[in-house]
Amino acid sequence: GGTAGRGRAWLVAADGAPADVAGALALNRDGHCVFHGTTGCAV
């Protein structure tokens, strides 16, 4: 709890990524990472 990503999809598909990559960080509509907030990175 307590992060910007709680209750929403924060991981999106990364087409063509290597096998060890689970996906890519989701972005907000403004292009900012979903985990970036006023106090920095939540994760």
PDB file of all heavy atoms in Angstrom:
ATOM      1  N   GLY A   1       0.794  -1.219   0.000  1.00  0.00           N
ATOM      2  CA  GLY A   1       0.000   0.000   0.000  1.00  0.00           C
ATOM      3  C   GLY A   1       0.819   1.258   0.000  1.00  0.00           C
ATOM      4  O   GLY A   1       2.018   1.263   0.210  1.00  0.00           O
ATOM      5  N   GLY A   2       0.116   2.370  -0.271  1.00  0.00           N
ATOM      6  CA  GLY A   2       0.750   3.676  -0.187  1.00  0.00           C
ATOM      7  C   GLY A   2       1.524   4.102  -1.404  1.00  0.00           C
ATOM      8  O   GLY A   2       2.286   5.056  -1.349  1.00  0.00           O
ATOM      9  N   THR A   3       1.367   3.418  -2.558  1.00  0.00           N
ATOM     10  CA  THR A   3       2.079   3.827  -3.755  1.00  0.00           C
ATOM     11  C   THR A   3       1.091   4.247  -4.837  1.00  0.00           C
ATOM     12  O   THR A   3      -0.092   3.888  -4.800  1.00  0.00           O
ATOM     13  CB  THR A   3       2.957   2.692  -4.330  1.00  0.00           C
ATOM     14  OG1 THR A   3       2.114   1.736  -4.997  1.00  0.00           O
ATOM     15  CG2 THR A   3       3.737   1.993  -3.232  1.00  0.00           C
ATOM     16  N   ALA A   4       1.614   4.958  -5.807  1.00  0.00           N
ATOM     17  CA  ALA A   4       0.770   5.433  -6.909  1.00  0.00           C
ATOM     18  C   ALA A   4       0.227   4.290  -7.747  1.00  0.00           C
ATOM     19  O   ALA A   4      -0.764   4.452  -8.441  1.00  0.00           O
ATOM     20  CB  ALA A   4       1.568   6.396  -7.792  1.00  0.00           C
ATOM     21  N   GLY A   5       0.884   3.132  -7.709  1.00  0.00           N
ATOM     22  CA  GLY A   5       0.465   2.032  -8.553  1.00  0.00           C
ATOM     23  C   GLY A   5      -0.599   1.141  -7.946  1.00  0.00           C
ATOM     24  O   GLY A   5      -1.096   0.231  -8.601  1.00  0.00           O
ATOM     25  N   ARG A   6      -0.960   1.357  -6.699  1.00  0.00           N
ATOM     26  CA  ARG A   6      -1.921   0.488  -6.039  1.00  0.00           C
ATOM     27  C   ARG A   6      -3.291   0.589  -6.722  1.00  0.00           C
ATOM     28  O   ARG A   6      -3.813   1.669  -6.977  1.00  0.00           O
ATOM     29  CB  ARG A   6      -2.044   0.859  -4.563  1.00  0.00           C
ATOM     30  CG  ARG A   6      -2.960  -0.087  -3.777  1.00  0.00           C
ATOM     31  CD  ARG A   6      -2.861   0.190  -2.286  1.00  0.00           C
ATOM     32  NE  ARG A   6      -3.791  -0.634  -1.524  1.00  0.00           N
ATOM     33  CZ  ARG A   6      -3.563  -1.903  -1.198  1.00  0.00           C
ATOM     34  NH1 ARG A   6      -2.442  -2.480  -1.571  1.00  0.00           N
ATOM     35  NH2 ARG A   6      -4.449  -2.596  -0.505  1.00  0.00           N
ATOM     36  N   GLY A   7      -3.870  -0.589  -7.011  1.00  0.00           N
ATOM     37  CA  GLY A   7      -5.206  -0.640  -7.576  1.00  0.00           C
ATOM     38  C   GLY A   7      -5.253  -0.357  -9.063  1.00  0.00           C
ATOM     39  O   GLY A   7      -6.333  -0.195  -9.616  1.00  0.00           O
ATOM     40  N   ARG A   8      -4.096  -0.326  -9.741  1.00  0.00           N
ATOM     41  CA  ARG A   8      -4.093  -0.078 -11.173  1.00  0.00           C
ATOM     42  C   ARG A   8      -2.981  -0.895 -11.821  1.00  0.00           C
ATOM     43  O   ARG A   8      -2.069  -1.375 -11.154  1.00  0.00           O
ATOM     44  CB  ARG A   8      -3.871   1.406 -11.475  1.00  0.00           C
ATOM     45  CG  ARG A   8      -2.568   1.933 -10.964  1.00  0.00           C
ATOM     46  CD  ARG A   8      -2.415   3.418 -11.182  1.00  0.00           C
ATOM     47  NE  ARG A   8      -2.389   3.758 -12.606  1.00  0.00           N
ATOM     48  CZ  ARG A   8      -2.161   4.988 -13.056  1.00  0.00           C
ATOM     49  NH1 ARG A   8      -1.975   5.981 -12.200  1.00  0.00           N
ATOM     50  NH2 ARG A   8      -2.142   5.241 -14.339  1.00  0.00           N
ATOM     51  N   ALA A   9      -3.096  -1.077 -13.134  1.00  0.00           N
ATOM     52  CA  ALA A   9      -2.065  -1.820 -13.857  1.00  0.00           C
ATOM     53  C   ALA A   9      -0.829  -0.940 -14.000  1.00  0.00           C
ATOM     54  O   ALA A   9      -0.892   0.125 -14.610  1.00  0.00           O
ATOM     55  CB  ALA A   9      -2.590  -2.234 -15.223  1.00  0.00           C
ATOM     56  N   TRP A  10       0.280  -1.360 -13.413  1.00  0.00           N
ATOM     57  CA  TRP A  10       1.512  -0.572 -13.497  1.00  0.00           C
ATOM     58  C   TRP A  10       2.522  -1.207 -14.453  1.00  0.00           C
ATOM     59  O   TRP A  10       3.525  -0.581 -14.796  1.00  0.00           O
ATOM     60  CB  TRP A  10       2.151  -0.408 -12.116  1.00  0.00           C
ATOM     61  CG  TRP A  10       2.507  -1.706 -11.427  1.00  0.00           C
ATOM     62  CD1 TRP A  10       1.747  -2.407 -10.536  1.00  0.00           C
ATOM     63  CD2 TRP A  10       3.707  -2.462 -11.596  1.00  0.00           C
ATOM     64  NE1 TRP A  10       2.389  -3.549 -10.132  1.00  0.00           N
ATOM     65  CE2 TRP A  10       3.612  -3.608 -10.773  1.00  0.00           C
ATOM     66  CE3 TRP A  10       4.861  -2.289 -12.361  1.00  0.00           C
ATOM     67  CZ2 TRP A  10       4.607  -4.576 -10.693  1.00  0.00           C
ATOM     68  CZ3 TRP A  10       5.861  -3.248 -12.286  1.00  0.00           C
ATOM     69  CH2 TRP A  10       5.727  -4.381 -11.458  1.00  0.00           C
ATOM     70  N   LEU A  11       2.256  -2.429 -14.896  1.00  0.00           N
ATOM     71  CA  LEU A  11       3.168  -3.144 -15.800  1.00  0.00           C
ATOM     72  C   LEU A  11       2.459  -3.365 -17.124  1.00  0.00           C
ATOM     73  O   LEU A  11       1.355  -3.911 -17.154  1.00  0.00           O
ATOM     74  CB  LEU A  11       3.581  -4.482 -15.183  1.00  0.00           C
ATOM     75  CG  LEU A  11       4.689  -5.266 -15.890  1.00  0.00           C
ATOM     76  CD1 LEU A  11       6.017  -4.542 -15.754  1.00  0.00           C
ATOM     77  CD2 LEU A  11       4.802  -6.679 -15.310  1.00  0.00           C
ATOM     78  N   VAL A  12       3.094  -2.937 -18.227  1.00  0.00           N
ATOM     79  CA  VAL A  12       2.503  -3.117 -19.552  1.00  0.00           C
ATOM     80  C   VAL A  12       3.422  -4.002 -20.391  1.00  0.00           C
ATOM     81  O   VAL A  12       4.598  -4.184 -20.073  1.00  0.00           O
ATOM     82  CB  VAL A  12       2.280  -1.757 -20.257  1.00  0.00           C
ATOM     83  CG1 VAL A  12       1.310  -0.904 -19.462  1.00  0.00           C
ATOM     84  CG2 VAL A  12       3.604  -1.023 -20.455  1.00  0.00           C
ATOM     85  N   ALA A  13       2.879  -4.538 -21.457  1.00  0.00           N
ATOM     86  CA  ALA A  13       3.654  -5.434 -22.313  1.00  0.00           C
ATOM     87  C   ALA A  13       4.809  -4.680 -22.972  1.00  0.00           C
ATOM     88  O   ALA A  13       4.697  -3.501 -23.300  1.00  0.00           O
ATOM     89  CB  ALA A  13       2.743  -6.041 -23.386  1.00  0.00           C
ATOM     90  N   ALA A  14       5.922  -5.398 -23.127  1.00  0.00           N
ATOM     91  CA  ALA A  14       7.094  -4.845 -23.811  1.00  0.00           C
ATOM     92  C   ALA A  14       7.423  -5.783 -24.954  1.00  0.00           C
ATOM     93  O   ALA A  14       8.134  -6.778 -24.789  1.00  0.00           O
ATOM     94  CB  ALA A  14       8.268  -4.721 -22.848  1.00  0.00           C
ATOM     95  N   ASP A  15       6.880  -5.495 -26.123  1.00  0.00           N
ATOM     96  CA  ASP A  15       7.044  -6.369 -27.284  1.00  0.00           C
ATOM     97  C   ASP A  15       8.510  -6.501 -27.666  1.00  0.00           C
ATOM     98  O   ASP A  15       9.248  -5.501 -27.724  1.00  0.00           O
ATOM     99  CB  ASP A  15       6.256  -5.828 -28.472  1.00  0.00           C
ATOM    100  CG  ASP A  15       4.752  -5.832 -28.220  1.00  0.00           C
ATOM    101  OD1 ASP A  15       4.302  -6.625 -27.374  1.00  0.00           O
ATOM    102  OD2 ASP A  15       4.047  -5.022 -28.863  1.00  0.00           O
ATOM    103  N   GLY A  16       8.938  -7.728 -27.936  1.00  0.00           N
ATOM    104  CA  GLY A  16      10.297  -7.972 -28.383  1.00  0.00           C
ATOM    105  C   GLY A  16      11.345  -7.887 -27.295  1.00  0.00           C
ATOM    106  O   GLY A  16      12.547  -7.882 -27.594  1.00  0.00           O
ATOM    107  N   ALA A  17      10.920  -7.812 -26.047  1.00  0.00           N
ATOM    108  CA  ALA A  17      11.877  -7.689 -24.947  1.00  0.00           C
ATOM    109  C   ALA A  17      12.549  -9.034 -24.668  1.00  0.00           C
ATOM    110  O   ALA A  17      12.003 -10.093 -24.986  1.00  0.00           O
ATOM    111  CB  ALA A  17      11.168  -7.187 -23.703  1.00  0.00           C
ATOM    112  N   PRO A  18      13.738  -9.035 -24.068  1.00  0.00           N
ATOM    113  CA  PRO A  18      14.400 -10.291 -23.693  1.00  0.00           C
ATOM    114  C   PRO A  18      13.548 -11.110 -22.733  1.00  0.00           C
ATOM    115  O   PRO A  18      12.633 -10.583 -22.077  1.00  0.00           O
ATOM    116  CB  PRO A  18      15.699  -9.814 -23.014  1.00  0.00           C
ATOM    117  CG  PRO A  18      15.912  -8.434 -23.527  1.00  0.00           C
ATOM    118  CD  PRO A  18      14.556  -7.859 -23.763  1.00  0.00           C
ATOM    119  N   ALA A  19      13.900 -12.394 -22.597  1.00  0.00           N
ATOM    120  CA  ALA A  19      13.089 -13.303 -21.800  1.00  0.00           C
ATOM    121  C   ALA A  19      13.035 -12.918 -20.329  1.00  0.00           C
ATOM    122  O   ALA A  19      12.062 -13.226 -19.630  1.00  0.00           O
ATOM    123  CB  ALA A  19      13.624 -14.732 -21.952  1.00  0.00           C
ATOM    124  N   ASP A  20      14.083 -12.243 -19.834  1.00  0.00           N
ATOM    125  CA  ASP A  20      14.102 -11.908 -18.407  1.00  0.00           C
ATOM    126  C   ASP A  20      13.322 -10.635 -18.085  1.00  0.00           C
ATOM    127  O   ASP A  20      13.260 -10.222 -16.926  1.00  0.00           O
ATOM    128  CB  ASP A  20      15.540 -11.776 -17.900  1.00  0.00           C
ATOM    129  CG  ASP A  20      16.289 -10.616 -18.548  1.00  0.00           C
ATOM    130  OD1 ASP A  20      15.908 -10.218 -19.660  1.00  0.00           O
ATOM    131  OD2 ASP A  20      17.259 -10.133 -17.941  1.00  0.00           O
ATOM    132  N   VAL A  21      12.723 -10.010 -19.095  1.00  0.00           N
ATOM    133  CA  VAL A  21      11.962  -8.771 -18.897  1.00  0.00           C
ATOM    134  C   VAL A  21      10.480  -9.102 -18.815  1.00  0.00           C
ATOM    135  O   VAL A  21       9.910  -9.726 -19.712  1.00  0.00           O
ATOM    136  CB  VAL A  21      12.230  -7.771 -20.033  1.00  0.00           C
ATOM    137  CG1 VAL A  21      11.274  -6.587 -19.962  1.00  0.00           C
ATOM    138  CG2 VAL A  21      13.672  -7.293 -19.969  1.00  0.00           C
ATOM    139  N   ALA A  22       9.854  -8.678 -17.714  1.00  0.00           N
ATOM    140  CA  ALA A  22       8.447  -8.988 -17.487  1.00  0.00           C
ATOM    141  C   ALA A  22       7.519  -8.018 -18.203  1.00  0.00           C
ATOM    142  O   ALA A  22       6.353  -8.328 -18.437  1.00  0.00           O
ATOM    143  CB  ALA A  22       8.153  -8.975 -15.988  1.00  0.00           C
ATOM    144  N   GLY A  23       8.009  -6.856 -18.528  1.00  0.00           N
ATOM    145  CA  GLY A  23       7.199  -5.836 -19.178  1.00  0.00           C
ATOM    146  C   GLY A  23       7.857  -4.488 -19.014  1.00  0.00           C
ATOM    147  O   GLY A  23       9.062  -4.405 -18.755  1.00  0.00           O
ATOM    148  N   ALA A  24       7.078  -3.432 -19.145  1.00  0.00           N
ATOM    149  CA  ALA A  24       7.600  -2.071 -18.990  1.00  0.00           C
ATOM    150  C   ALA A  24       6.726  -1.305 -18.009  1.00  0.00           C
ATOM    151  O   ALA A  24       5.549  -1.622 -17.824  1.00  0.00           O
ATOM    152  CB  ALA A  24       7.630  -1.352 -20.337  1.00  0.00           C
ATOM    153  N   LEU A  25       7.310  -0.312 -17.366  1.00  0.00           N
ATOM    154  CA  LEU A  25       6.543   0.521 -16.445  1.00  0.00           C
ATOM    155  C   LEU A  25       5.475   1.300 -17.205  1.00  0.00           C
ATOM    156  O   LEU A  25       5.742   1.870 -18.267  1.00  0.00           O
ATOM    157  CB  LEU A  25       7.468   1.497 -15.715  1.00  0.00           C
ATOM    158  CG  LEU A  25       8.438   0.898 -14.693  1.00  0.00           C
ATOM    159  CD1 LEU A  25       9.347   1.980 -14.142  1.00  0.00           C
ATOM    160  CD2 LEU A  25       7.678   0.211 -13.559  1.00  0.00           C
ATOM    161  N   ALA A  26       4.283   1.327 -16.659  1.00  0.00           N
ATOM    162  CA  ALA A  26       3.207   2.095 -17.268  1.00  0.00           C
ATOM    163  C   ALA A  26       3.461   3.589 -17.074  1.00  0.00           C
ATOM    164  O   ALA A  26       4.112   4.001 -16.110  1.00  0.00           O
ATOM    165  CB  ALA A  26       1.871   1.703 -16.651  1.00  0.00           C
ATOM    166  N   LEU A  27       2.939   4.380 -17.993  1.00  0.00           N
ATOM    167  CA  LEU A  27       3.083   5.829 -17.931  1.00  0.00           C
ATOM    168  C   LEU A  27       1.713   6.478 -17.784  1.00  0.00           C
ATOM    169  O   LEU A  27       0.705   5.962 -18.295  1.00  0.00           O
ATOM    170  CB  LEU A  27       3.758   6.359 -19.198  1.00  0.00           C
ATOM    171  CG  LEU A  27       5.135   5.799 -19.547  1.00  0.00           C
ATOM    172  CD1 LEU A  27       5.622   6.386 -20.869  1.00  0.00           C
ATOM    173  CD2 LEU A  27       6.141   6.068 -18.437  1.00  0.00           C
ATOM    174  N   ASN A  28       1.684   7.603 -17.088  1.00  0.00           N
ATOM    175  CA  ASN A  28       0.471   8.402 -17.052  1.00  0.00           C
ATOM    176  C   ASN A  28       0.278   9.098 -18.395  1.00  0.00           C
ATOM    177  O   ASN A  28       1.149   9.060 -19.272  1.00  0.00           O
ATOM    178  CB  ASN A  28       0.565   9.451 -15.939  1.00  0.00           C
ATOM    179  CG  ASN A  28       0.592   8.823 -14.566  1.00  0.00           C
ATOM    180  OD1 ASN A  28      -0.129   7.862 -14.306  1.00  0.00           O
ATOM    181  ND2 ASN A  28       1.414   9.370 -13.679  1.00  0.00           N
ATOM    182  N   ARG A  29      -0.838   9.762 -18.566  1.00  0.00           N
ATOM    183  CA  ARG A  29      -1.123  10.437 -19.833  1.00  0.00           C
ATOM    184  C   ARG A  29      -0.104  11.523 -20.144  1.00  0.00           C
ATOM    185  O   ARG A  29       0.133  11.844 -21.300  1.00  0.00           O
ATOM    186  CB  ARG A  29      -2.525  11.052 -19.797  1.00  0.00           C
ATOM    187  CG  ARG A  29      -3.639  10.009 -19.823  1.00  0.00           C
ATOM    188  CD  ARG A  29      -4.999  10.653 -19.835  1.00  0.00           C
ATOM    189  NE  ARG A  29      -6.072   9.670 -19.871  1.00  0.00           N
ATOM    190  CZ  ARG A  29      -7.362   9.963 -19.847  1.00  0.00           C
ATOM    191  NH1 ARG A  29      -7.744  11.254 -19.793  1.00  0.00           N
ATOM    192  NH2 ARG A  29      -8.269   9.013 -19.877  1.00  0.00           N
ATOM    193  N   ASP A  30       0.507  12.097 -19.102  1.00  0.00           N
ATOM    194  CA  ASP A  30       1.521  13.135 -19.322  1.00  0.00           C
ATOM    195  C   ASP A  30       2.907  12.559 -19.585  1.00  0.00           C
ATOM    196  O   ASP A  30       3.879  13.300 -19.715  1.00  0.00           O
ATOM    197  CB  ASP A  30       1.579  14.090 -18.132  1.00  0.00           C
ATOM    198  CG  ASP A  30       1.895  13.383 -16.810  1.00  0.00           C
ATOM    199  OD1 ASP A  30       2.174  12.161 -16.828  1.00  0.00           O
ATOM    200  OD2 ASP A  30       1.863  14.052 -15.761  1.00  0.00           O
ATOM    201  N   GLY A  31       3.001  11.225 -19.681  1.00  0.00           N
ATOM    202  CA  GLY A  31       4.282  10.579 -19.953  1.00  0.00           C
ATOM    203  C   GLY A  31       5.102  10.289 -18.722  1.00  0.00           C
ATOM    204  O   GLY A  31       6.183   9.710 -18.832  1.00  0.00           O
ATOM    205  N   HIS A  32       4.621  10.660 -17.551  1.00  0.00           N
ATOM    206  CA  HIS A  32       5.362  10.403 -16.322  1.00  0.00           C
ATOM    207  C   HIS A  32       5.128   8.967 -15.870  1.00  0.00           C
ATOM    208  O   HIS A  32       4.036   8.414 -16.021  1.00  0.00           O
ATOM    209  CB  HIS A  32       4.904  11.346 -15.213  1.00  0.00           C
ATOM    210  CG  HIS A  32       5.207  12.779 -15.488  1.00  0.00           C
ATOM    211  ND1 HIS A  32       5.217  13.748 -14.504  1.00  0.00           N
ATOM    212  CD2 HIS A  32       5.516  13.442 -16.634  1.00  0.00           C
ATOM    213  CE1 HIS A  32       5.516  14.922 -15.026  1.00  0.00           C
ATOM    214  NE2 HIS A  32       5.692  14.751 -16.325  1.00  0.00           N
ATOM    215  N   CYS A  33       6.150   8.372 -15.277  1.00  0.00           N
ATOM    216  CA  CYS A  33       6.016   7.032 -14.708  1.00  0.00           C
ATOM    217  C   CYS A  33       4.929   7.045 -13.633  1.00  0.00           C
ATOM    218  O   CYS A  33       4.815   7.996 -12.848  1.00  0.00           O
ATOM    219  CB  CYS A  33       7.357   6.600 -14.102  1.00  0.00           C
ATOM    220  SG  CYS A  33       7.275   5.060 -13.164  1.00  0.00           S
ATOM    221  N   VAL A  34       4.130   5.968 -13.560  1.00  0.00           N
ATOM    222  CA  VAL A  34       3.035   5.915 -12.594  1.00  0.00           C
ATOM    223  C   VAL A  34       3.532   5.946 -11.150  1.00  0.00           C
ATOM    224  O   VAL A  34       2.773   6.274 -10.233  1.00  0.00           O
ATOM    225  CB  VAL A  34       2.163   4.661 -12.809  1.00  0.00           C
ATOM    226  CG1 VAL A  34       1.450   4.722 -14.142  1.00  0.00           C
ATOM    227  CG2 VAL A  34       2.997   3.381 -12.688  1.00  0.00           C
ATOM    228  N   PHE A  35       4.790   5.628 -10.938  1.00  0.00           N
ATOM    229  CA  PHE A  35       5.311   5.600  -9.579  1.00  0.00           C
ATOM    230  C   PHE A  35       5.997   6.900  -9.171  1.00  0.00           C
ATOM    231  O   PHE A  35       6.494   7.022  -8.052  1.00  0.00           O
ATOM    232  CB  PHE A  35       6.297   4.443  -9.409  1.00  0.00           C
ATOM    233  CG  PHE A  35       5.647   3.088  -9.434  1.00  0.00           C
ATOM    234  CD1 PHE A  35       6.016   2.144 -10.386  1.00  0.00           C
ATOM    235  CD2 PHE A  35       4.669   2.763  -8.517  1.00  0.00           C
ATOM    236  CE1 PHE A  35       5.415   0.895 -10.409  1.00  0.00           C
ATOM    237  CE2 PHE A  35       4.056   1.511  -8.539  1.00  0.00           C
ATOM    238  CZ  PHE A  35       4.432   0.579  -9.490  1.00  0.00           C
ATOM    239  N   HIS A  36       6.062   7.867 -10.066  1.00  0.00           N
ATOM    240  CA  HIS A  36       6.708   9.127  -9.722  1.00  0.00           C
ATOM    241  C   HIS A  36       5.708  10.074  -9.096  1.00  0.00           C
ATOM    242  O   HIS A  36       4.633  10.330  -9.648  1.00  0.00           O
ATOM    243  CB  HIS A  36       7.313   9.787 -10.960  1.00  0.00           C
ATOM    244  CG  HIS A  36       7.926  11.122 -10.667  1.00  0.00           C
ATOM    245  ND1 HIS A  36       8.991  11.280  -9.822  1.00  0.00           N
ATOM    246  CD2 HIS A  36       7.587  12.375 -11.083  1.00  0.00           C
ATOM    247  CE1 HIS A  36       9.309  12.550  -9.741  1.00  0.00           C
ATOM    248  NE2 HIS A  36       8.469  13.245 -10.494  1.00  0.00           N
ATOM    249  N   GLY A  37       6.059  10.599  -7.932  1.00  0.00           N
ATOM    250  CA  GLY A  37       5.191  11.541  -7.237  1.00  0.00           C
ATOM    251  C   GLY A  37       5.963  12.725  -6.715  1.00  0.00           C
ATOM    252  O   GLY A  37       7.146  12.914  -7.020  1.00  0.00           O
ATOM    253  N   THR A  38       5.324  13.519  -5.915  1.00  0.00           N
ATOM    254  CA  THR A  38       5.950  14.748  -5.419  1.00  0.00           C
ATOM    255  C   THR A  38       7.127  14.472  -4.489  1.00  0.00           C
ATOM    256  O   THR A  38       7.988  15.335  -4.302  1.00  0.00           O
ATOM    257  CB  THR A  38       4.912  15.608  -4.678  1.00  0.00           C
ATOM    258  OG1 THR A  38       4.321  14.819  -3.627  1.00  0.00           O
ATOM    259  CG2 THR A  38       3.824  16.075  -5.629  1.00  0.00           C
ATOM    260  N   THR A  39       7.164  13.288  -3.905  1.00  0.00           N
ATOM    261  CA  THR A  39       8.271  12.947  -3.005  1.00  0.00           C
ATOM    262  C   THR A  39       9.294  12.030  -3.663  1.00  0.00           C
ATOM    263  O   THR A  39      10.180  11.520  -2.989  1.00  0.00           O
ATOM    264  CB  THR A  39       7.736  12.277  -1.723  1.00  0.00           C
ATOM    265  OG1 THR A  39       6.991  11.091  -2.083  1.00  0.00           O
ATOM    266  CG2 THR A  39       6.838  13.224  -0.956  1.00  0.00           C
ATOM    267  N   GLY A  40       9.164  11.829  -4.976  1.00  0.00           N
ATOM    268  CA  GLY A  40      10.118  10.979  -5.674  1.00  0.00           C
ATOM    269  C   GLY A  40       9.507   9.669  -6.120  1.00  0.00           C
ATOM    270  O   GLY A  40       8.289   9.560  -6.308  1.00  0.00           O
ATOM    271  N   CYS A  41      10.348   8.656  -6.256  1.00  0.00           N
ATOM    272  CA  CYS A  41       9.911   7.346  -6.738  1.00  0.00           C
ATOM    273  C   CYS A  41       9.331   6.533  -5.582  1.00  0.00           C
ATOM    274  O   CYS A  41       9.985   6.330  -4.559  1.00  0.00           O
ATOM    275  CB  CYS A  41      11.096   6.612  -7.357  1.00  0.00           C
ATOM    276  SG  CYS A  41      10.723   4.922  -7.883  1.00  0.00           S
ATOM    277  N   ALA A  42       8.107   6.025  -5.774  1.00  0.00           N
ATOM    278  CA  ALA A  42       7.438   5.268  -4.720  1.00  0.00           C
ATOM    279  C   ALA A  42       7.993   3.855  -4.559  1.00  0.00           C
ATOM    280  O   ALA A  42       7.729   3.203  -3.552  1.00  0.00           O
ATOM    281  CB  ALA A  42       5.939   5.198  -5.006  1.00  0.00           C
ATOM    282  N   VAL A  43       8.745   3.379  -5.558  1.00  0.00           N
ATOM    283  CA  VAL A  43       9.293   2.017  -5.477  1.00  0.00           C
ATOM    284  C   VAL A  43      10.812   2.047  -5.644  1.00  0.00           C
ATOM    285  O   VAL A  43      11.415   1.113  -6.164  1.00  0.00           O
ATOM    286  CB  VAL A  43       8.643   1.102  -6.544  1.00  0.00           C
ATOM    287  CG1 VAL A  43       7.157   0.911  -6.245  1.00  0.00           C
ATOM    288  CG2 VAL A  43       8.830   1.661  -7.954  1.00  0.00           C
TER     289      VAL A  43
END
